Amino acid sequence: MTWWQTLVVALATYVVTKLVDHLVAYYGEPREFRKRRREFALHEIEQFKADVGRYVELAANWQPHENKQPAYMDLFENDYELIGRIKKYPLVANAGRDALHWCKIVASEEQRQSAELLERKRELDEKYRIFLTKCDEYLQSIV
């Protein structure tokens, strides 16, 4: 084999290898994109569940309102940001908004030392369960 025949074989091999690499990348990329999108949604929703759980746990705790007041102020100050980050998942965001709203209702009832506090905490528990169900339903739909 002469040097130019070797060069032609090497160039042909290089071109075929690059062509196969591009085809594999082209057909594999959408699958990888969907996988990354699913993992990102899973991470975001799990983080949102943890954040809402922190609110609910604070509201469901039976400590006096005076002890929880600083924590309420810190949490409720940025609750709109919490919903804003998850707005792209409407069913999850709506259920989370309901749970956070009921946390605020419980905080208000605690402050007033209302007789309906136990009923409000039960309703908060129900809203939180609905929220968790919506999160799980959405996560199951993207898997």
C-alpha atoms as a PDB file:
ATOM      1  CA  MET A   1       0.000   0.000   0.000  1.00  0.00           C
ATOM      2  CA  THR A   2       1.319   3.403  -0.899  1.00  0.00           C
ATOM      3  CA  TRP A   3       1.228   6.405   1.357  1.00  0.00           C
ATOM      4  CA  TRP A   4      -1.735   8.016  -0.440  1.00  0.00           C
ATOM      5  CA  GLN A   5      -3.802   4.820  -0.159  1.00  0.00           C
ATOM      6  CA  THR A   6      -3.078   4.749   3.573  1.00  0.00           C
ATOM      7  CA  LEU A   7      -4.085   8.395   3.791  1.00  0.00           C
ATOM      8  CA  VAL A   8      -7.382   7.725   1.990  1.00  0.00           C
ATOM      9  CA  VAL A   9      -8.182   4.787   4.295  1.00  0.00           C
ATOM     10  CA  ALA A  10      -7.364   6.886   7.386  1.00  0.00           C
ATOM     11  CA  LEU A  11      -9.507   9.812   6.191  1.00  0.00           C
ATOM     12  CA  ALA A  12     -12.402   7.511   5.281  1.00  0.00           C
ATOM     13  CA  THR A  13     -12.212   5.895   8.719  1.00  0.00           C
ATOM     14  CA  TYR A  14     -12.140   9.309  10.386  1.00  0.00           C
ATOM     15  CA  VAL A  15     -15.166  10.539   8.393  1.00  0.00           C
ATOM     16  CA  VAL A  16     -17.197   7.393   9.118  1.00  0.00           C
ATOM     17  CA  THR A  17     -16.324   7.565  12.825  1.00  0.00           C
ATOM     18  CA  LYS A  18     -17.372  11.222  13.052  1.00  0.00           C
ATOM     19  CA  LEU A  19     -20.598  10.485  11.178  1.00  0.00           C
ATOM     20  CA  VAL A  20     -21.480   7.665  13.580  1.00  0.00           C
ATOM     21  CA  ASP A  21     -20.650   9.912  16.575  1.00  0.00           C
ATOM     22  CA  HIS A  22     -22.981  12.636  15.298  1.00  0.00           C
ATOM     23  CA  LEU A  23     -25.798  10.177  14.649  1.00  0.00           C
ATOM     24  CA  VAL A  24     -25.495   8.703  18.141  1.00  0.00           C
ATOM     25  CA  ALA A  25     -25.432  12.186  19.671  1.00  0.00           C
ATOM     26  CA  TYR A  26     -28.416  13.329  17.583  1.00  0.00           C
ATOM     27  CA  TYR A  27     -30.625  10.386  18.509  1.00  0.00           C
ATOM     28  CA  GLY A  28     -29.434  10.118  22.114  1.00  0.00           C
ATOM     29  CA  GLU A  29     -29.748  13.802  23.009  1.00  0.00           C
ATOM     30  CA  PRO A  30     -33.570  14.084  23.269  1.00  0.00           C
ATOM     31  CA  ARG A  31     -33.658  11.100  25.593  1.00  0.00           C
ATOM     32  CA  GLU A  32     -30.940  12.623  27.775  1.00  0.00           C
ATOM     33  CA  PHE A  33     -32.753  15.975  27.749  1.00  0.00           C
ATOM     34  CA  ARG A  34     -35.995  14.365  28.945  1.00  0.00           C
ATOM     35  CA  LYS A  35     -34.089  12.471  31.604  1.00  0.00           C
ATOM     36  CA  ARG A  36     -32.396  15.633  32.890  1.00  0.00           C
ATOM     37  CA  ARG A  37     -35.714  17.496  32.844  1.00  0.00           C
ATOM     38  CA  ARG A  38     -37.366  14.718  34.872  1.00  0.00           C
ATOM     39  CA  GLU A  39     -34.526  14.697  37.395  1.00  0.00           C
ATOM     40  CA  PHE A  40     -34.682  18.486  37.709  1.00  0.00           C
ATOM     41  CA  ALA A  41     -38.458  18.423  38.273  1.00  0.00           C
ATOM     42  CA  LEU A  42     -38.051  15.651  40.822  1.00  0.00           C
ATOM     43  CA  HIS A  43     -35.435  17.654  42.702  1.00  0.00           C
ATOM     44  CA  GLU A  44     -37.502  20.867  42.619  1.00  0.00           C
ATOM     45  CA  ILE A  45     -40.690  19.215  43.819  1.00  0.00           C
ATOM     46  CA  GLU A  46     -38.918  17.271  46.556  1.00  0.00           C
ATOM     47  CA  GLN A  47     -37.322  20.514  47.762  1.00  0.00           C
ATOM     48  CA  PHE A  48     -40.718  22.230  47.638  1.00  0.00           C
ATOM     49  CA  LYS A  49     -42.248  19.399  49.658  1.00  0.00           C
ATOM     50  CA  ALA A  50     -39.531  19.807  52.280  1.00  0.00           C
ATOM     51  CA  ASP A  51     -40.079  23.580  52.460  1.00  0.00           C
ATOM     52  CA  VAL A  52     -43.852  23.306  52.790  1.00  0.00           C
ATOM     53  CA  GLY A  53     -43.363  20.544  55.364  1.00  0.00           C
ATOM     54  CA  ARG A  54     -41.297  22.963  57.454  1.00  0.00           C
ATOM     55  CA  TYR A  55     -44.188  25.472  57.402  1.00  0.00           C
ATOM     56  CA  VAL A  56     -46.749  22.820  58.286  1.00  0.00           C
ATOM     57  CA  GLU A  57     -44.633  21.397  61.095  1.00  0.00           C
ATOM     58  CA  LEU A  58     -44.240  24.837  62.630  1.00  0.00           C
ATOM     59  CA  ALA A  59     -47.981  25.507  62.420  1.00  0.00           C
ATOM     60  CA  ALA A  60     -48.925  22.038  63.736  1.00  0.00           C
ATOM     61  CA  ASN A  61     -46.593  22.318  66.728  1.00  0.00           C
ATOM     62  CA  TRP A  62     -48.371  22.982  70.024  1.00  0.00           C
ATOM     63  CA  GLN A  63     -45.866  25.469  71.438  1.00  0.00           C
ATOM     64  CA  PRO A  64     -47.257  28.842  72.511  1.00  0.00           C
ATOM     65  CA  HIS A  65     -47.579  31.418  69.759  1.00  0.00           C
ATOM     66  CA  GLU A  66     -45.058  33.718  71.451  1.00  0.00           C
ATOM     67  CA  ASN A  67     -42.353  31.056  71.080  1.00  0.00           C
ATOM     68  CA  LYS A  68     -43.132  30.529  67.388  1.00  0.00           C
ATOM     69  CA  GLN A  69     -43.621  34.175  66.419  1.00  0.00           C
ATOM     70  CA  PRO A  70     -40.005  34.797  65.234  1.00  0.00           C
ATOM     71  CA  ALA A  71     -40.053  31.615  63.143  1.00  0.00           C
ATOM     72  CA  TYR A  72     -43.412  32.601  61.642  1.00  0.00           C
ATOM     73  CA  MET A  73     -42.049  36.009  60.708  1.00  0.00           C
ATOM     74  CA  ASP A  74     -39.006  34.493  59.012  1.00  0.00           C
ATOM     75  CA  LEU A  75     -40.972  31.885  57.079  1.00  0.00           C
ATOM     76  CA  PHE A  76     -43.959  33.986  56.037  1.00  0.00           C
ATOM     77  CA  GLU A  77     -41.716  36.819  54.866  1.00  0.00           C
ATOM     78  CA  ASN A  78     -40.637  34.894  51.745  1.00  0.00           C
ATOM     79  CA  ASP A  79     -43.510  32.505  51.110  1.00  0.00           C
ATOM     80  CA  TYR A  80     -44.363  34.133  47.770  1.00  0.00           C
ATOM     81  CA  GLU A  81     -40.875  33.228  46.509  1.00  0.00           C
ATOM     82  CA  LEU A  82     -41.488  29.621  47.462  1.00  0.00           C
ATOM     83  CA  ILE A  83     -44.631  29.443  45.321  1.00  0.00           C
ATOM     84  CA  GLY A  84     -43.043  31.498  42.539  1.00  0.00           C
ATOM     85  CA  ARG A  85     -40.259  28.962  42.018  1.00  0.00           C
ATOM     86  CA  ILE A  86     -42.728  26.097  41.604  1.00  0.00           C
ATOM     87  CA  LYS A  87     -45.343  27.968  39.531  1.00  0.00           C
ATOM     88  CA  LYS A  88     -44.406  25.950  36.428  1.00  0.00           C
ATOM     89  CA  TYR A  89     -46.134  22.931  37.993  1.00  0.00           C
ATOM     90  CA  PRO A  90     -49.659  24.402  38.420  1.00  0.00           C
ATOM     91  CA  LEU A  91     -51.374  21.560  40.293  1.00  0.00           C
ATOM     92  CA  VAL A  92     -48.504  21.255  42.738  1.00  0.00           C
ATOM     93  CA  ALA A  93     -48.281  25.038  43.162  1.00  0.00           C
ATOM     94  CA  ASN A  94     -52.018  25.369  43.852  1.00  0.00           C
ATOM     95  CA  ALA A  95     -51.974  22.596  46.457  1.00  0.00           C
ATOM     96  CA  GLY A  96     -48.872  24.118  48.046  1.00  0.00           C
ATOM     97  CA  ARG A  97     -50.496  27.542  48.089  1.00  0.00           C
ATOM     98  CA  ASP A  98     -53.517  26.076  49.905  1.00  0.00           C
ATOM     99  CA  ALA A  99     -51.285  24.405  52.497  1.00  0.00           C
ATOM    100  CA  LEU A 100     -49.344  27.627  53.100  1.00  0.00           C
ATOM    101  CA  HIS A 101     -52.586  29.585  53.344  1.00  0.00           C
ATOM    102  CA  TRP A 102     -53.834  27.219  56.027  1.00  0.00           C
ATOM    103  CA  CYS A 103     -50.534  27.594  57.875  1.00  0.00           C
ATOM    104  CA  LYS A 104     -51.219  31.313  58.033  1.00  0.00           C
ATOM    105  CA  ILE A 105     -54.773  30.689  59.222  1.00  0.00           C
ATOM    106  CA  VAL A 106     -53.485  28.450  62.014  1.00  0.00           C
ATOM    107  CA  ALA A 107     -50.925  31.104  62.980  1.00  0.00           C
ATOM    108  CA  SER A 108     -53.684  33.701  63.124  1.00  0.00           C
ATOM    109  CA  GLU A 109     -55.894  31.431  65.243  1.00  0.00           C
ATOM    110  CA  GLU A 110     -52.982  30.765  67.609  1.00  0.00           C
ATOM    111  CA  GLN A 111     -52.373  34.462  68.017  1.00  0.00           C
ATOM    112  CA  ARG A 112     -56.022  35.086  68.867  1.00  0.00           C
ATOM    113  CA  GLN A 113     -56.124  31.911  70.999  1.00  0.00           C
ATOM    114  CA  SER A 114     -59.290  30.883  69.223  1.00  0.00           C
ATOM    115  CA  ALA A 115     -61.445  27.935  70.239  1.00  0.00           C
ATOM    116  CA  GLU A 116     -61.421  26.762  66.612  1.00  0.00           C
ATOM    117  CA  LEU A 117     -57.678  26.133  66.629  1.00  0.00           C
ATOM    118  CA  LEU A 118     -57.979  22.351  66.781  1.00  0.00           C
ATOM    119  CA  GLU A 119     -60.360  22.338  63.803  1.00  0.00           C
ATOM    120  CA  ARG A 120     -58.039  24.613  61.824  1.00  0.00           C
ATOM    121  CA  LYS A 121     -55.091  22.321  62.508  1.00  0.00           C
ATOM    122  CA  ARG A 122     -57.124  19.365  61.258  1.00  0.00           C
ATOM    123  CA  GLU A 123     -57.951  21.260  58.085  1.00  0.00           C
ATOM    124  CA  LEU A 124     -54.280  22.141  57.690  1.00  0.00           C
ATOM    125  CA  ASP A 125     -53.410  18.447  57.991  1.00  0.00           C
ATOM    126  CA  GLU A 126     -55.956  17.608  55.297  1.00  0.00           C
ATOM    127  CA  LYS A 127     -54.609  20.317  52.955  1.00  0.00           C
ATOM    128  CA  TYR A 128     -51.071  19.056  53.525  1.00  0.00           C
ATOM    129  CA  ARG A 129     -52.114  15.504  52.670  1.00  0.00           C
ATOM    130  CA  ILE A 130     -53.765  16.765  49.472  1.00  0.00           C
ATOM    131  CA  PHE A 131     -50.562  18.657  48.662  1.00  0.00           C
ATOM    132  CA  LEU A 132     -48.439  15.534  49.115  1.00  0.00           C
ATOM    133  CA  THR A 133     -50.848  13.550  46.948  1.00  0.00           C
ATOM    134  CA  LYS A 134     -50.651  16.143  44.155  1.00  0.00           C
ATOM    135  CA  CYS A 135     -46.851  16.114  44.329  1.00  0.00           C
ATOM    136  CA  ASP A 136     -46.742  12.327  44.122  1.00  0.00           C
ATOM    137  CA  GLU A 137     -49.250  12.278  41.259  1.00  0.00           C
ATOM    138  CA  TYR A 138     -47.184  14.753  39.281  1.00  0.00           C
ATOM    139  CA  LEU A 139     -43.955  12.879  39.926  1.00  0.00           C
ATOM    140  CA  GLN A 140     -45.584   9.630  38.810  1.00  0.00           C
ATOM    141  CA  SER A 141     -46.804  11.301  35.616  1.00  0.00           C
ATOM    142  CA  ILE A 142     -43.311  12.364  34.554  1.00  0.00           C
ATOM    143  CA  VAL A 143     -41.569   9.074  35.292  1.00  0.00           C
END
